[in-house]
Amino acid sequence: MMKGRTVPAKKKVPRDVVPEAFNDLHNLWHLETVGERLGEIASALDRMAKVAAMGVIAEHGSPEDREIALGYLKGWFEEFRSV
């Protein structure tokens, strides 16, 4: 054994560190999941707004605009049915 040199004592990990770390990780995962869900909801609302706008154009627009809007609506409907 060398003189003057001491081996540092092992630090004990407090018992509450593991549950706290688990809770922190769980909360981060939950926030990420909530963030993903909010993104999906925002995308769905955006698509719904576009469909509503095209519906108004298809109903009240000029003949040319109606034809274009109906084309979009038919395409979206087919896409929706295939999901």
PDB file of N, CA and C in Angstrom:
ATOM      1  N   MET A   1       0.844  -1.182   0.000  1.00  0.00           N
ATOM      2  CA  MET A   1       0.000   0.000   0.000  1.00  0.00           C
ATOM      3  C   MET A   1       0.879   1.232   0.000  1.00  0.00           C
ATOM      4  N   MET A   2       0.494   2.191  -0.780  1.00  0.00           N
ATOM      5  CA  MET A   2       1.275   3.421  -0.878  1.00  0.00           C
ATOM      6  C   MET A   2       0.877   4.368   0.228  1.00  0.00           C
ATOM      7  N   LYS A   3       1.891   4.995   0.774  1.00  0.00           N
ATOM      8  CA  LYS A   3       1.612   5.977   1.821  1.00  0.00           C
ATOM      9  C   LYS A   3       1.149   7.288   1.208  1.00  0.00           C
ATOM     10  N   GLY A   4       0.283   7.945   1.919  1.00  0.00           N
ATOM     11  CA  GLY A   4      -0.176   9.268   1.504  1.00  0.00           C
ATOM     12  C   GLY A   4      -1.302   9.243   0.477  1.00  0.00           C
ATOM     13  N   ARG A   5      -1.639   8.097  -0.008  1.00  0.00           N
ATOM     14  CA  ARG A   5      -2.704   8.014  -1.000  1.00  0.00           C
ATOM     15  C   ARG A   5      -3.864   7.232  -0.419  1.00  0.00           C
ATOM     16  N   THR A   6      -5.038   7.811  -0.490  1.00  0.00           N
ATOM     17  CA  THR A   6      -6.210   7.121   0.048  1.00  0.00           C
ATOM     18  C   THR A   6      -7.175   6.806  -1.080  1.00  0.00           C
ATOM     19  N   VAL A   7      -7.845   5.743  -0.924  1.00  0.00           N
ATOM     20  CA  VAL A   7      -8.864   5.350  -1.891  1.00  0.00           C
ATOM     21  C   VAL A   7     -10.152   6.050  -1.499  1.00  0.00           C
ATOM     22  N   PRO A   8     -10.746   6.770  -2.457  1.00  0.00           N
ATOM     23  CA  PRO A   8     -11.992   7.458  -2.101  1.00  0.00           C
ATOM     24  C   PRO A   8     -13.076   6.448  -1.742  1.00  0.00           C
ATOM     25  N   ALA A   9     -13.838   6.823  -0.766  1.00  0.00           N
ATOM     26  CA  ALA A   9     -14.932   5.955  -0.323  1.00  0.00           C
ATOM     27  C   ALA A   9     -16.013   5.933  -1.395  1.00  0.00           C
ATOM     28  N   LYS A  10     -16.644   4.797  -1.565  1.00  0.00           N
ATOM     29  CA  LYS A  10     -17.744   4.695  -2.525  1.00  0.00           C
ATOM     30  C   LYS A  10     -18.900   5.546  -2.032  1.00  0.00           C
ATOM     31  N   LYS A  11     -19.424   6.318  -2.953  1.00  0.00           N
ATOM     32  CA  LYS A  11     -20.581   7.129  -2.588  1.00  0.00           C
ATOM     33  C   LYS A  11     -21.823   6.275  -2.744  1.00  0.00           C
ATOM     34  N   LYS A  12     -22.636   6.324  -1.752  1.00  0.00           N
ATOM     35  CA  LYS A  12     -23.895   5.590  -1.833  1.00  0.00           C
ATOM     36  C   LYS A  12     -24.902   6.427  -2.611  1.00  0.00           C
ATOM     37  N   VAL A  13     -25.601   5.762  -3.471  1.00  0.00           N
ATOM     38  CA  VAL A  13     -26.652   6.433  -4.234  1.00  0.00           C
ATOM     39  C   VAL A  13     -27.894   6.450  -3.363  1.00  0.00           C
ATOM     40  N   PRO A  14     -28.417   7.643  -3.113  1.00  0.00           N
ATOM     41  CA  PRO A  14     -29.637   7.700  -2.301  1.00  0.00           C
ATOM     42  C   PRO A  14     -30.747   6.878  -2.959  1.00  0.00           C
ATOM     43  N   ARG A  15     -31.553   6.259  -2.121  1.00  0.00           N
ATOM     44  CA  ARG A  15     -32.607   5.372  -2.630  1.00  0.00           C
ATOM     45  C   ARG A  15     -33.623   6.095  -3.511  1.00  0.00           C
ATOM     46  N   ASP A  16     -33.803   7.374  -3.312  1.00  0.00           N
ATOM     47  CA  ASP A  16     -34.830   8.071  -4.083  1.00  0.00           C
ATOM     48  C   ASP A  16     -34.325   8.565  -5.435  1.00  0.00           C
ATOM     49  N   VAL A  17     -33.051   8.385  -5.748  1.00  0.00           N
ATOM     50  CA  VAL A  17     -32.522   8.869  -7.021  1.00  0.00           C
ATOM     51  C   VAL A  17     -33.100   8.080  -8.194  1.00  0.00           C
ATOM     52  N   VAL A  18     -33.178   6.779  -8.076  1.00  0.00           N
ATOM     53  CA  VAL A  18     -33.674   5.962  -9.186  1.00  0.00           C
ATOM     54  C   VAL A  18     -35.135   6.285  -9.503  1.00  0.00           C
ATOM     55  N   PRO A  19     -36.027   6.311  -8.515  1.00  0.00           N
ATOM     56  CA  PRO A  19     -37.415   6.678  -8.849  1.00  0.00           C
ATOM     57  C   PRO A  19     -37.524   8.091  -9.422  1.00  0.00           C
ATOM     58  N   GLU A  20     -36.723   9.024  -8.910  1.00  0.00           N
ATOM     59  CA  GLU A  20     -36.766  10.392  -9.439  1.00  0.00           C
ATOM     60  C   GLU A  20     -36.311  10.409 -10.894  1.00  0.00           C
ATOM     61  N   ALA A  21     -35.228   9.680 -11.172  1.00  0.00           N
ATOM     62  CA  ALA A  21     -34.735   9.621 -12.550  1.00  0.00           C
ATOM     63  C   ALA A  21     -35.783   8.977 -13.457  1.00  0.00           C
ATOM     64  N   PHE A  22     -36.405   7.918 -12.978  1.00  0.00           N
ATOM     65  CA  PHE A  22     -37.456   7.265 -13.754  1.00  0.00           C
ATOM     66  C   PHE A  22     -38.594   8.243 -14.024  1.00  0.00           C
ATOM     67  N   ASN A  23     -39.019   8.971 -13.009  1.00  0.00           N
ATOM     68  CA  ASN A  23     -40.110   9.939 -13.182  1.00  0.00           C
ATOM     69  C   ASN A  23     -39.724  11.023 -14.173  1.00  0.00           C
ATOM     70  N   ASP A  24     -38.472  11.495 -14.090  1.00  0.00           N
ATOM     71  CA  ASP A  24     -38.015  12.517 -15.031  1.00  0.00           C
ATOM     72  C   ASP A  24     -38.056  11.989 -16.463  1.00  0.00           C
ATOM     73  N   LEU A  25     -37.544  10.771 -16.653  1.00  0.00           N
ATOM     74  CA  LEU A  25     -37.559  10.183 -17.994  1.00  0.00           C
ATOM     75  C   LEU A  25     -38.985   9.945 -18.474  1.00  0.00           C
ATOM     76  N   HIS A  26     -39.833   9.479 -17.588  1.00  0.00           N
ATOM     77  CA  HIS A  26     -41.233   9.241 -17.953  1.00  0.00           C
ATOM     78  C   HIS A  26     -41.906  10.553 -18.363  1.00  0.00           C
ATOM     79  N   ASN A  27     -41.648  11.615 -17.605  1.00  0.00           N
ATOM     80  CA  ASN A  27     -42.249  12.914 -17.928  1.00  0.00           C
ATOM     81  C   ASN A  27     -41.755  13.422 -19.275  1.00  0.00           C
ATOM     82  N   LEU A  28     -40.450  13.244 -19.553  1.00  0.00           N
ATOM     83  CA  LEU A  28     -39.921  13.683 -20.846  1.00  0.00           C
ATOM     84  C   LEU A  28     -40.556  12.886 -21.982  1.00  0.00           C
ATOM     85  N   TRP A  29     -40.682  11.577 -21.794  1.00  0.00           N
ATOM     86  CA  TRP A  29     -41.298  10.737 -22.813  1.00  0.00           C
ATOM     87  C   TRP A  29     -42.752  11.164 -23.023  1.00  0.00           C
ATOM     88  N   HIS A  30     -43.442  11.441 -21.923  1.00  0.00           N
ATOM     89  CA  HIS A  30     -44.841  11.850 -22.009  1.00  0.00           C
ATOM     90  C   HIS A  30     -44.961  13.169 -22.767  1.00  0.00           C
ATOM     91  N   LEU A  31     -44.080  14.124 -22.471  1.00  0.00           N
ATOM     92  CA  LEU A  31     -44.125  15.411 -23.166  1.00  0.00           C
ATOM     93  C   LEU A  31     -43.858  15.234 -24.655  1.00  0.00           C
ATOM     94  N   GLU A  32     -42.907  14.354 -24.988  1.00  0.00           N
ATOM     95  CA  GLU A  32     -42.615  14.112 -26.397  1.00  0.00           C
ATOM     96  C   GLU A  32     -43.828  13.494 -27.089  1.00  0.00           C
ATOM     97  N   THR A  33     -44.470  12.561 -26.421  1.00  0.00           N
ATOM     98  CA  THR A  33     -45.658  11.920 -26.981  1.00  0.00           C
ATOM     99  C   THR A  33     -46.779  12.939 -27.158  1.00  0.00           C
ATOM    100  N   VAL A  34     -46.976  13.787 -26.167  1.00  0.00           N
ATOM    101  CA  VAL A  34     -48.008  14.827 -26.263  1.00  0.00           C
ATOM    102  C   VAL A  34     -47.681  15.770 -27.414  1.00  0.00           C
ATOM    103  N   GLY A  35     -46.404  16.122 -27.550  1.00  0.00           N
ATOM    104  CA  GLY A  35     -45.996  16.991 -28.649  1.00  0.00           C
ATOM    105  C   GLY A  35     -46.286  16.376 -30.007  1.00  0.00           C
ATOM    106  N   GLU A  36     -46.007  15.074 -30.137  1.00  0.00           N
ATOM    107  CA  GLU A  36     -46.308  14.385 -31.393  1.00  0.00           C
ATOM    108  C   GLU A  36     -47.806  14.386 -31.661  1.00  0.00           C
ATOM    109  N   ARG A  37     -48.591  14.123 -30.646  1.00  0.00           N
ATOM    110  CA  ARG A  37     -50.048  14.091 -30.810  1.00  0.00           C
ATOM    111  C   ARG A  37     -50.582  15.470 -31.197  1.00  0.00           C
ATOM    112  N   LEU A  38     -50.042  16.515 -30.580  1.00  0.00           N
ATOM    113  CA  LEU A  38     -50.489  17.867 -30.928  1.00  0.00           C
ATOM    114  C   LEU A  38     -50.143  18.187 -32.376  1.00  0.00           C
ATOM    115  N   GLY A  39     -48.992  17.724 -32.826  1.00  0.00           N
ATOM    116  CA  GLY A  39     -48.618  17.909 -34.225  1.00  0.00           C
ATOM    117  C   GLY A  39     -49.585  17.202 -35.160  1.00  0.00           C
ATOM    118  N   GLU A  40     -49.971  15.981 -34.792  1.00  0.00           N
ATOM    119  CA  GLU A  40     -50.938  15.234 -35.599  1.00  0.00           C
ATOM    120  C   GLU A  40     -52.296  15.928 -35.612  1.00  0.00           C
ATOM    121  N   ILE A  41     -52.704  16.452 -34.468  1.00  0.00           N
ATOM    122  CA  ILE A  41     -53.984  17.167 -34.387  1.00  0.00           C
ATOM    123  C   ILE A  41     -53.932  18.427 -35.241  1.00  0.00           C
ATOM    124  N   ALA A  42     -52.816  19.150 -35.183  1.00  0.00           N
ATOM    125  CA  ALA A  42     -52.674  20.368 -35.980  1.00  0.00           C
ATOM    126  C   ALA A  42     -52.740  20.043 -37.472  1.00  0.00           C
ATOM    127  N   SER A  43     -52.098  18.963 -37.884  1.00  0.00           N
ATOM    128  CA  SER A  43     -52.147  18.560 -39.295  1.00  0.00           C
ATOM    129  C   SER A  43     -53.566  18.194 -39.710  1.00  0.00           C
ATOM    130  N   ALA A  44     -54.264  17.474 -38.841  1.00  0.00           N
ATOM    131  CA  ALA A  44     -55.645  17.093 -39.149  1.00  0.00           C
ATOM    132  C   ALA A  44     -56.537  18.322 -39.260  1.00  0.00           C
ATOM    133  N   LEU A  45     -56.355  19.280 -38.358  1.00  0.00           N
ATOM    134  CA  LEU A  45     -57.154  20.512 -38.422  1.00  0.00           C
ATOM    135  C   LEU A  45     -56.852  21.294 -39.692  1.00  0.00           C
ATOM    136  N   ASP A  46     -55.592  21.307 -40.099  1.00  0.00           N
ATOM    137  CA  ASP A  46     -55.207  21.990 -41.331  1.00  0.00           C
ATOM    138  C   ASP A  46     -55.889  21.339 -42.532  1.00  0.00           C
ATOM    139  N   ARG A  47     -55.870  20.011 -42.575  1.00  0.00           N
ATOM    140  CA  ARG A  47     -56.531  19.299 -43.676  1.00  0.00           C
ATOM    141  C   ARG A  47     -58.037  19.559 -43.669  1.00  0.00           C
ATOM    142  N   MET A  48     -58.634  19.568 -42.477  1.00  0.00           N
ATOM    143  CA  MET A  48     -60.077  19.822 -42.386  1.00  0.00           C
ATOM    144  C   MET A  48     -60.416  21.225 -42.874  1.00  0.00           C
ATOM    145  N   ALA A  49     -59.564  22.190 -42.546  1.00  0.00           N
ATOM    146  CA  ALA A  49     -59.802  23.565 -42.998  1.00  0.00           C
ATOM    147  C   ALA A  49     -59.724  23.647 -44.521  1.00  0.00           C
ATOM    148  N   LYS A  50     -58.765  22.939 -45.105  1.00  0.00           N
ATOM    149  CA  LYS A  50     -58.643  22.941 -46.567  1.00  0.00           C
ATOM    150  C   LYS A  50     -59.863  22.295 -47.216  1.00  0.00           C
ATOM    151  N   VAL A  51     -60.321  21.199 -46.644  1.00  0.00           N
ATOM    152  CA  VAL A  51     -61.510  20.526 -47.182  1.00  0.00           C
ATOM    153  C   VAL A  51     -62.729  21.440 -47.067  1.00  0.00           C
ATOM    154  N   ALA A  52     -62.861  22.114 -45.932  1.00  0.00           N
ATOM    155  CA  ALA A  52     -63.996  23.029 -45.755  1.00  0.00           C
ATOM    156  C   ALA A  52     -63.936  24.161 -46.771  1.00  0.00           C
ATOM    157  N   ALA A  53     -62.738  24.701 -46.989  1.00  0.00           N
ATOM    158  CA  ALA A  53     -62.594  25.786 -47.960  1.00  0.00           C
ATOM    159  C   ALA A  53     -62.939  25.302 -49.365  1.00  0.00           C
ATOM    160  N   MET A  54     -62.456  24.119 -49.710  1.00  0.00           N
ATOM    161  CA  MET A  54     -62.775  23.575 -51.033  1.00  0.00           C
ATOM    162  C   MET A  54     -64.267  23.282 -51.159  1.00  0.00           C
ATOM    163  N   GLY A  55     -64.894  22.878 -50.067  1.00  0.00           N
ATOM    164  CA  GLY A  55     -66.336  22.644 -50.081  1.00  0.00           C
ATOM    165  C   GLY A  55     -67.106  23.919 -50.375  1.00  0.00           C
ATOM    166  N   VAL A  56     -66.667  25.011 -49.783  1.00  0.00           N
ATOM    167  CA  VAL A  56     -67.321  26.305 -50.026  1.00  0.00           C
ATOM    168  C   VAL A  56     -67.121  26.718 -51.478  1.00  0.00           C
ATOM    169  N   ILE A  57     -65.887  26.544 -51.975  1.00  0.00           N
ATOM    170  CA  ILE A  57     -65.618  26.902 -53.374  1.00  0.00           C
ATOM    171  C   ILE A  57     -66.437  26.020 -54.313  1.00  0.00           C
ATOM    172  N   ALA A  58     -66.518  24.725 -54.000  1.00  0.00           N
ATOM    173  CA  ALA A  58     -67.280  23.806 -54.852  1.00  0.00           C
ATOM    174  C   ALA A  58     -68.758  24.164 -54.878  1.00  0.00           C
ATOM    175  N   GLU A  59     -69.230  24.742 -53.808  1.00  0.00           N
ATOM    176  CA  GLU A  59     -70.653  25.083 -53.731  1.00  0.00           C
ATOM    177  C   GLU A  59     -70.956  26.477 -54.284  1.00  0.00           C
ATOM    178  N   HIS A  60     -70.050  27.429 -54.049  1.00  0.00           N
ATOM    179  CA  HIS A  60     -70.366  28.823 -54.378  1.00  0.00           C
ATOM    180  C   HIS A  60     -69.401  29.470 -55.367  1.00  0.00           C
ATOM    181  N   GLY A  61     -68.426  28.746 -55.858  1.00  0.00           N
ATOM    182  CA  GLY A  61     -67.425  29.344 -56.743  1.00  0.00           C
ATOM    183  C   GLY A  61     -67.887  29.422 -58.186  1.00  0.00           C
ATOM    184  N   SER A  62     -67.010  29.993 -59.006  1.00  0.00           N
ATOM    185  CA  SER A  62     -67.288  30.041 -60.441  1.00  0.00           C
ATOM    186  C   SER A  62     -67.217  28.613 -60.996  1.00  0.00           C
ATOM    187  N   PRO A  63     -67.760  28.392 -62.170  1.00  0.00           N
ATOM    188  CA  PRO A  63     -67.724  27.033 -62.742  1.00  0.00           C
ATOM    189  C   PRO A  63     -66.305  26.448 -62.823  1.00  0.00           C
ATOM    190  N   GLU A  64     -65.331  27.263 -63.211  1.00  0.00           N
ATOM    191  CA  GLU A  64     -63.940  26.777 -63.270  1.00  0.00           C
ATOM    192  C   GLU A  64     -63.434  26.407 -61.879  1.00  0.00           C
ATOM    193  N   ASP A  65     -63.684  27.289 -60.918  1.00  0.00           N
ATOM    194  CA  ASP A  65     -63.235  27.032 -59.549  1.00  0.00           C
ATOM    195  C   ASP A  65     -63.925  25.806 -58.959  1.00  0.00           C
ATOM    196  N   ARG A  66     -65.199  25.652 -59.292  1.00  0.00           N
ATOM    197  CA  ARG A  66     -65.940  24.486 -58.793  1.00  0.00           C
ATOM    198  C   ARG A  66     -65.317  23.186 -59.297  1.00  0.00           C
ATOM    199  N   GLU A  67     -64.972  23.182 -60.570  1.00  0.00           N
ATOM    200  CA  GLU A  67     -64.371  21.982 -61.158  1.00  0.00           C
ATOM    201  C   GLU A  67     -63.046  21.640 -60.470  1.00  0.00           C
ATOM    202  N   ILE A  68     -62.227  22.630 -60.230  1.00  0.00           N
ATOM    203  CA  ILE A  68     -60.941  22.413 -59.554  1.00  0.00           C
ATOM    204  C   ILE A  68     -61.173  21.926 -58.125  1.00  0.00           C
ATOM    205  N   ALA A  69     -62.084  22.584 -57.420  1.00  0.00           N
ATOM    206  CA  ALA A  69     -62.361  22.211 -56.027  1.00  0.00           C
ATOM    207  C   ALA A  69     -62.902  20.789 -55.940  1.00  0.00           C
ATOM    208  N   LEU A  70     -63.794  20.425 -56.853  1.00  0.00           N
ATOM    209  CA  LEU A  70     -64.326  19.058 -56.854  1.00  0.00           C
ATOM    210  C   LEU A  70     -63.227  18.035 -57.120  1.00  0.00           C
ATOM    211  N   GLY A  71     -62.289  18.390 -57.982  1.00  0.00           N
ATOM    212  CA  GLY A  71     -61.158  17.496 -58.242  1.00  0.00           C
ATOM    213  C   GLY A  71     -60.338  17.256 -56.981  1.00  0.00           C
ATOM    214  N   TYR A  72     -60.063  18.345 -56.250  1.00  0.00           N
ATOM    215  CA  TYR A  72     -59.341  18.207 -54.978  1.00  0.00           C
ATOM    216  C   TYR A  72     -60.133  17.352 -53.988  1.00  0.00           C
ATOM    217  N   LEU A  73     -61.413  17.643 -53.864  1.00  0.00           N
ATOM    218  CA  LEU A  73     -62.239  16.908 -52.902  1.00  0.00           C
ATOM    219  C   LEU A  73     -62.317  15.420 -53.243  1.00  0.00           C
ATOM    220  N   LYS A  74     -62.468  15.104 -54.520  1.00  0.00           N
ATOM    221  CA  LYS A  74     -62.512  13.697 -54.924  1.00  0.00           C
ATOM    222  C   LYS A  74     -61.187  13.004 -54.613  1.00  0.00           C
ATOM    223  N   GLY A  75     -60.086  13.686 -54.901  1.00  0.00           N
ATOM    224  CA  GLY A  75     -58.767  13.112 -54.608  1.00  0.00           C
ATOM    225  C   GLY A  75     -58.572  12.868 -53.127  1.00  0.00           C
ATOM    226  N   TRP A  76     -58.960  13.840 -52.309  1.00  0.00           N
ATOM    227  CA  TRP A  76     -58.824  13.681 -50.850  1.00  0.00           C
ATOM    228  C   TRP A  76     -59.725  12.561 -50.338  1.00  0.00           C
ATOM    229  N   PHE A  77     -60.932  12.467 -50.919  1.00  0.00           N
ATOM    230  CA  PHE A  77     -61.849  11.417 -50.489  1.00  0.00           C
ATOM    231  C   PHE A  77     -61.271  10.037 -50.815  1.00  0.00           C
ATOM    232  N   GLU A  78     -60.721   9.885 -52.006  1.00  0.00           N
ATOM    233  CA  GLU A  78     -60.108   8.605 -52.385  1.00  0.00           C
ATOM    234  C   GLU A  78     -58.921   8.285 -51.474  1.00  0.00           C
ATOM    235  N   GLU A  79     -58.126   9.285 -51.164  1.00  0.00           N
ATOM    236  CA  GLU A  79     -56.987   9.092 -50.257  1.00  0.00           C
ATOM    237  C   GLU A  79     -57.477   8.661 -48.872  1.00  0.00           C
ATOM    238  N   PHE A  80     -58.537   9.290 -48.408  1.00  0.00           N
ATOM    239  CA  PHE A  80     -59.104   8.957 -47.099  1.00  0.00           C
ATOM    240  C   PHE A  80     -59.626   7.521 -47.083  1.00  0.00           C
ATOM    241  N   ARG A  81     -60.287   7.122 -48.145  1.00  0.00           N
ATOM    242  CA  ARG A  81     -60.843   5.763 -48.213  1.00  0.00           C
ATOM    243  C   ARG A  81     -59.754   4.703 -48.241  1.00  0.00           C
ATOM    244  N   SER A  82     -58.594   5.034 -48.784  1.00  0.00           N
ATOM    245  CA  SER A  82     -57.517   4.043 -48.892  1.00  0.00           C
ATOM    246  C   SER A  82     -56.752   3.856 -47.586  1.00  0.00           C
ATOM    247  N   VAL A  83     -56.995   4.723 -46.621  1.00  0.00           N
ATOM    248  CA  VAL A  83     -56.284   4.612 -45.333  1.00  0.00           C
ATOM    249  C   VAL A  83     -56.930   3.656 -44.458  1.00  0.00           C
TER     250      VAL A  83
END
